[in-house]
Every structure is written in structure tokens, then in C-alpha cells.
C-alpha atoms as a PDB file:
ATOM      1  CA  MET A   1      -0.055  -0.227  -0.196  1.00  0.00           C
ATOM      2  CA  ALA A   2       1.192   3.288  -1.084  1.00  0.00           C
ATOM      3  CA  GLU A   3       2.170   5.767   1.540  1.00  0.00           C
ATOM      4  CA  PRO A   4      -0.096   9.069   1.512  1.00  0.00           C
ATOM      5  CA  SER A   5       0.997  11.887  -0.379  1.00  0.00           C
ATOM      6  CA  SER A   6       2.421  15.051   1.404  1.00  0.00           C
ATOM      7  CA  SER A   7       0.369  17.467  -0.610  1.00  0.00           C
ATOM      8  CA  ASN A   8      -3.146  15.675   1.206  1.00  0.00           C
ATOM      9  CA  PRO A   9      -4.774  18.143   3.752  1.00  0.00           C
ATOM     10  CA  SER A  10      -5.768  14.809   5.765  1.00  0.00           C
ATOM     11  CA  SER A  11      -1.755  13.330   5.869  1.00  0.00           C
ATOM     12  CA  ALA A  12      -0.651  16.756   6.832  1.00  0.00           C
ATOM     13  CA  ARG A  13      -2.566  16.716  10.394  1.00  0.00           C
ATOM     14  CA  PRO A  14      -2.982  13.040  11.086  1.00  0.00           C
ATOM     15  CA  GLY A  15      -6.474  12.357  12.335  1.00  0.00           C
ATOM     16  CA  ARG A  16      -8.469  15.383  10.760  1.00  0.00           C
ATOM     17  CA  HIS A  17      -9.504  13.594   7.844  1.00  0.00           C
ATOM     18  CA  TRP A  18     -13.157  12.864   9.847  1.00  0.00           C
ATOM     19  CA  LEU A  19     -13.454  16.930   9.678  1.00  0.00           C
ATOM     20  CA  TRP A  20     -12.631  17.348   5.773  1.00  0.00           C
ATOM     21  CA  ARG A  21     -15.158  14.048   5.208  1.00  0.00           C
ATOM     22  CA  GLY A  22     -17.932  15.690   7.785  1.00  0.00           C
ATOM     23  CA  MET A  23     -17.565  18.797   6.159  1.00  0.00           C
ATOM     24  CA  ALA A  24     -17.694  17.742   2.640  1.00  0.00           C
ATOM     25  CA  ALA A  25     -20.752  15.741   4.152  1.00  0.00           C
ATOM     26  CA  ALA A  26     -23.189  18.669   4.972  1.00  0.00           C
ATOM     27  CA  VAL A  27     -22.182  20.493   2.753  1.00  0.00           C
ATOM     28  CA  THR A  28     -23.412  17.765  -0.169  1.00  0.00           C
ATOM     29  CA  ALA A  29     -26.168  17.593   1.886  1.00  0.00           C
ATOM     30  CA  LEU A  30     -27.232  20.967   1.948  1.00  0.00           C
ATOM     31  CA  LEU A  31     -26.351  21.265  -2.364  1.00  0.00           C
ATOM     32  CA  ALA A  32     -29.064  18.449  -2.574  1.00  0.00           C
ATOM     33  CA  ALA A  33     -31.985  19.696  -0.160  1.00  0.00           C
ATOM     34  CA  CYS A  34     -31.338  22.968  -2.492  1.00  0.00           C
ATOM     35  CA  GLY A  35     -31.866  21.348  -5.581  1.00  0.00           C
ATOM     36  CA  SER A  36     -34.325  19.164  -4.706  1.00  0.00           C
ATOM     37  CA  THR A  37     -38.199  19.145  -5.705  1.00  0.00           C
ATOM     38  CA  PRO A  38     -40.100  19.580  -2.861  1.00  0.00           C
ATOM     39  CA  PRO A  39     -42.825  16.945  -2.263  1.00  0.00           C
ATOM     40  CA  SER A  40     -46.051  17.033  -3.517  1.00  0.00           C
ATOM     41  CA  THR A  41     -49.564  17.288  -1.636  1.00  0.00           C
ATOM     42  CA  PRO A  42     -51.132  14.269  -1.883  1.00  0.00           C
ATOM     43  CA  SER A  43     -53.684  13.821  -3.962  1.00  0.00           C
ATOM     44  CA  GLY A  44     -56.935  15.292  -2.879  1.00  0.00           C
ATOM     45  CA  ALA A  45     -55.562  17.749  -0.588  1.00  0.00           C
ATOM     46  CA  GLY A  46     -55.557  21.044  -3.081  1.00  0.00           C
ATOM     47  CA  ALA A  47     -52.299  22.714  -4.206  1.00  0.00           C
ATOM     48  CA  SER A  48     -50.715  19.738  -5.027  1.00  0.00           C
ATOM     49  CA  SER A  49     -48.445  20.688  -8.281  1.00  0.00           C
ATOM     50  CA  PRO A  50     -44.688  21.389  -6.984  1.00  0.00           C
ATOM     51  CA  ALA A  51     -45.253  24.728  -8.462  1.00  0.00           C
ATOM     52  CA  ALA A  52     -47.762  25.166  -5.674  1.00  0.00           C
ATOM     53  CA  VAL A  53     -45.513  23.375  -3.168  1.00  0.00           C
ATOM     54  CA  ARG A  54     -42.852  25.676  -3.835  1.00  0.00           C
ATOM     55  CA  GLU A  55     -44.652  28.793  -3.481  1.00  0.00           C
ATOM     56  CA  TYR A  56     -46.280  27.560  -0.337  1.00  0.00           C
ATOM     57  CA  ARG A  57     -42.488  27.226   0.709  1.00  0.00           C
ATOM     58  CA  GLN A  58     -42.412  30.909   0.141  1.00  0.00           C
ATOM     59  CA  ASP A  59     -45.374  31.758   2.030  1.00  0.00           C
ATOM     60  CA  ALA A  60     -44.640  29.810   5.135  1.00  0.00           C
ATOM     61  CA  ALA A  61     -40.973  30.713   5.228  1.00  0.00           C
ATOM     62  CA  ARG A  62     -42.214  34.203   5.557  1.00  0.00           C
ATOM     63  CA  HIS A  63     -44.521  33.611   7.866  1.00  0.00           C
ATOM     64  CA  ILE A  64     -41.832  32.144  10.153  1.00  0.00           C
ATOM     65  CA  TYR A  65     -39.399  35.398   9.587  1.00  0.00           C
ATOM     66  CA  ALA A  66     -42.848  37.643  10.442  1.00  0.00           C
ATOM     67  CA  ARG A  67     -42.704  36.061  13.823  1.00  0.00           C
ATOM     68  CA  ASN A  68     -39.285  36.120  14.694  1.00  0.00           C
ATOM     69  CA  GLN A  69     -37.645  39.035  12.880  1.00  0.00           C
ATOM     70  CA  HIS A  70     -35.159  39.668  16.104  1.00  0.00           C
ATOM     71  CA  ARG A  71     -33.698  36.360  15.193  1.00  0.00           C
ATOM     72  CA  ILE A  72     -33.158  36.553  11.255  1.00  0.00           C
ATOM     73  CA  TYR A  73     -29.592  36.841  10.541  1.00  0.00           C
ATOM     74  CA  GLN A  74     -29.097  40.174   8.128  1.00  0.00           C
ATOM     75  CA  GLY A  75     -26.806  39.691   5.413  1.00  0.00           C
ATOM     76  CA  LYS A  76     -25.204  36.805   3.706  1.00  0.00           C
ATOM     77  CA  LEU A  77     -24.255  34.116   6.352  1.00  0.00           C
ATOM     78  CA  PRO A  78     -20.624  33.374   7.099  1.00  0.00           C
ATOM     79  CA  PRO A  79     -18.707  30.527   5.469  1.00  0.00           C
ATOM     80  CA  MET A  80     -18.903  28.221   8.407  1.00  0.00           C
ATOM     81  CA  LEU A  81     -22.694  27.396  10.060  1.00  0.00           C
ATOM     82  CA  TYR A  82     -22.833  26.076  13.653  1.00  0.00           C
ATOM     83  CA  ALA A  83     -26.054  24.055  12.080  1.00  0.00           C
ATOM     84  CA  ILE A  84     -27.693  22.891   8.901  1.00  0.00           C
ATOM     85  CA  GLY A  85     -31.057  20.952   9.205  1.00  0.00           C
ATOM     86  CA  VAL A  86     -33.724  20.034   6.684  1.00  0.00           C
ATOM     87  CA  LEU A  87     -36.950  20.125   8.322  1.00  0.00           C
ATOM     88  CA  GLU A  88     -40.478  18.672   6.492  1.00  0.00           C
ATOM     89  CA  VAL A  89     -43.057  20.034   8.225  1.00  0.00           C
ATOM     90  CA  GLU A  90     -47.130  18.172   7.945  1.00  0.00           C
ATOM     91  CA  LEU A  91     -49.660  20.801   7.709  1.00  0.00           C
ATOM     92  CA  ASP A  92     -53.396  20.332   8.511  1.00  0.00           C
ATOM     93  CA  ARG A  93     -56.061  22.396   6.459  1.00  0.00           C
ATOM     94  CA  ASN A  94     -56.023  25.161   9.375  1.00  0.00           C
ATOM     95  CA  GLY A  95     -52.319  25.515   8.945  1.00  0.00           C
ATOM     96  CA  GLY A  96     -51.971  23.676  12.514  1.00  0.00           C
ATOM     97  CA  VAL A  97     -48.372  21.692  12.698  1.00  0.00           C
ATOM     98  CA  ARG A  98     -49.439  17.865  12.052  1.00  0.00           C
ATOM     99  CA  ARG A  99     -46.234  16.614  12.060  1.00  0.00           C
ATOM    100  CA  LEU A 100     -42.341  17.380  12.001  1.00  0.00           C
ATOM    101  CA  HIS A 101     -39.772  15.331  10.194  1.00  0.00           C
ATOM    102  CA  TRP A 102     -36.077  15.447  10.614  1.00  0.00           C
ATOM    103  CA  LEU A 103     -34.662  14.754   6.894  1.00  0.00           C
ATOM    104  CA  ARG A 104     -31.438  15.999   8.429  1.00  0.00           C
ATOM    105  CA  ALA A 105     -30.886  16.842  11.744  1.00  0.00           C
ATOM    106  CA  PRO A 106     -27.630  18.675  13.171  1.00  0.00           C
ATOM    107  CA  THR A 107     -27.524  16.097  15.599  1.00  0.00           C
ATOM    108  CA  HIS A 108     -24.502  17.792  17.041  1.00  0.00           C
ATOM    109  CA  ALA A 109     -26.553  19.797  18.432  1.00  0.00           C
ATOM    110  CA  PRO A 110     -29.818  18.619  19.839  1.00  0.00           C
ATOM    111  CA  GLU A 111     -30.352  22.752  21.235  1.00  0.00           C
ATOM    112  CA  VAL A 112     -31.066  23.774  17.881  1.00  0.00           C
ATOM    113  CA  VAL A 113     -33.144  20.980  16.576  1.00  0.00           C
ATOM    114  CA  ALA A 114     -35.762  21.263  19.902  1.00  0.00           C
ATOM    115  CA  GLU A 115     -35.258  25.184  18.755  1.00  0.00           C
ATOM    116  CA  ILE A 116     -36.648  25.023  15.260  1.00  0.00           C
ATOM    117  CA  GLU A 117     -38.861  22.691  16.133  1.00  0.00           C
ATOM    118  CA  ARG A 118     -40.156  25.188  18.936  1.00  0.00           C
ATOM    119  CA  THR A 119     -40.032  28.067  16.721  1.00  0.00           C
ATOM    120  CA  VAL A 120     -42.166  26.172  13.658  1.00  0.00           C
ATOM    121  CA  ARG A 121     -44.935  25.097  16.435  1.00  0.00           C
ATOM    122  CA  ALA A 122     -44.938  28.510  17.743  1.00  0.00           C
ATOM    123  CA  ALA A 123     -45.673  29.505  14.371  1.00  0.00           C
ATOM    124  CA  ALA A 124     -48.583  28.073  14.063  1.00  0.00           C
ATOM    125  CA  PRO A 125     -51.596  28.731  12.562  1.00  0.00           C
ATOM    126  CA  PHE A 126     -49.516  28.942   8.992  1.00  0.00           C
ATOM    127  CA  PRO A 127     -51.243  30.387   5.863  1.00  0.00           C
ATOM    128  CA  ASN A 128     -53.630  28.362   4.624  1.00  0.00           C
ATOM    129  CA  PRO A 129     -53.203  28.266   1.079  1.00  0.00           C
ATOM    130  CA  SER A 130     -56.243  28.791  -1.264  1.00  0.00           C
ATOM    131  CA  GLY A 131     -58.135  25.548  -2.554  1.00  0.00           C
ATOM    132  CA  MET A 132     -56.144  23.360   0.103  1.00  0.00           C
ATOM    133  CA  ARG A 133     -58.727  20.795   1.233  1.00  0.00           C
ATOM    134  CA  GLY A 134     -56.715  18.473   3.355  1.00  0.00           C
ATOM    135  CA  LYS A 135     -52.799  18.494   4.678  1.00  0.00           C
ATOM    136  CA  LEU A 136     -49.645  20.090   2.885  1.00  0.00           C
ATOM    137  CA  SER A 137     -46.344  18.877   3.460  1.00  0.00           C
ATOM    138  CA  TYR A 138     -43.035  21.677   2.549  1.00  0.00           C
ATOM    139  CA  THR A 139     -39.869  20.845   3.457  1.00  0.00           C
ATOM    140  CA  ASP A 140     -37.307  23.468   3.855  1.00  0.00           C
ATOM    141  CA  THR A 141     -33.545  24.035   5.039  1.00  0.00           C
ATOM    142  CA  TRP A 142     -32.380  26.005   8.637  1.00  0.00           C
ATOM    143  CA  LEU A 143     -29.200  27.521   8.051  1.00  0.00           C
ATOM    144  CA  TRP A 144     -28.405  28.308  12.221  1.00  0.00           C
ATOM    145  CA  ASP A 145     -25.110  30.457  13.052  1.00  0.00           C
ATOM    146  CA  LYS A 146     -23.870  30.321  16.307  1.00  0.00           C
ATOM    147  CA  SER A 147     -25.604  33.408  17.626  1.00  0.00           C
ATOM    148  CA  GLY A 148     -28.570  31.516  17.787  1.00  0.00           C
ATOM    149  CA  ARG A 149     -29.742  33.621  14.554  1.00  0.00           C
ATOM    150  CA  PHE A 150     -31.137  31.695  11.208  1.00  0.00           C
ATOM    151  CA  GLN A 151     -32.025  31.964   7.627  1.00  0.00           C
ATOM    152  CA  LEU A 152     -34.062  29.564   5.934  1.00  0.00           C
ATOM    153  CA  ASP A 153     -32.550  28.548   2.501  1.00  0.00           C
ATOM    154  CA  THR A 154     -35.577  29.966   0.702  1.00  0.00           C
ATOM    155  CA  LEU A 155     -35.611  33.278   1.581  1.00  0.00           C
ATOM    156  CA  SER A 156     -31.634  33.428   2.448  1.00  0.00           C
ATOM    157  CA  GLU A 157     -28.908  36.080   1.511  1.00  0.00           C
ATOM    158  CA  GLY A 158     -26.182  33.386   0.737  1.00  0.00           C
ATOM    159  CA  GLN A 159     -22.662  33.122   2.298  1.00  0.00           C
ATOM    160  CA  ARG A 160     -19.735  35.052   2.043  1.00  0.00           C
ATOM    161  CA  GLY A 161     -16.870  34.060   0.958  1.00  0.00           C
ATOM    162  CA  GLU A 162     -13.913  32.534   2.906  1.00  0.00           C
END
């Protein structure tokens, strides 16, 4: 077996390869969440097209921002975030939260998981999309700064360069 090359960043600092792999996995998950089409609602639920769900996701994000103005990170986020989570929210026809389902929970920061869940539940009732006759599910990515302020990917201003 060949010796690792000295130009490899993980060989210069033994034992730190897990950090590079973890950062790569986080970036990959974030990019996958940003580029994925949101799930459509079940048939008979009203706003079932992907375009309608995408539009509703913006409404829901604005709703959360309006209730948490002092907690929104203003401007571009720093290059290294404390936590990134992808949360699916299922709402009933009255805009109440039926279910929260983590697609990617920031398990290294359980306090952030709890705070995001509390924030979503406290924001209910969510706006009722026109024509909705049943439940609606939407997904958004939470970008959490170490200061405790956040942005939702749907309304994010992006990140600063390093």
C-alpha cells in the first residue's frame, strides 16, 4: 500500500480526516436539499403541484420570518455555520402543525433541533393556501449561526466567501 502524499490535507494533520469528510458531507447534503424538488402533497389535498408547494414554502418562510424578526440573520451568512437542518413540516387544513419530520437533523446540536421545532410550532397557524382541502407538506433548510440567529434557505441571502 502506498504512503499518503504530503500534499493531501488530511496527511499533514493526522486524525483530522474525519473533519474534512464531515464538512464535505454537510455541503453535499445542503446542496442536495437546495436543488431538490419539494414533495407534492397527496392527491385531493388541494395545492398539489410542485410549483404550488414551492410557492407555499415561500409563504411559510415569510410567515416564520415575520414572527421571528429579531432572530433572523441579516445579510450574508458566514462561511461556517453552526448547524444546518432539513425539516419537513406537515400542516392541516387550518394551518396547524400536524407533524415535523427531520430529513437531516443537526444531531451535533440537539439544542438547535429543539429550538427549530419550538419555533415552527409557535408560528402556527400557518397561512392557508387557497383551495387547500387537506394536509400540506413542505420542506425547508434551516441555516443556523452560532449566534442563535438563522435564515431559511428559501429566503436566504447566501453565504460570504472565506
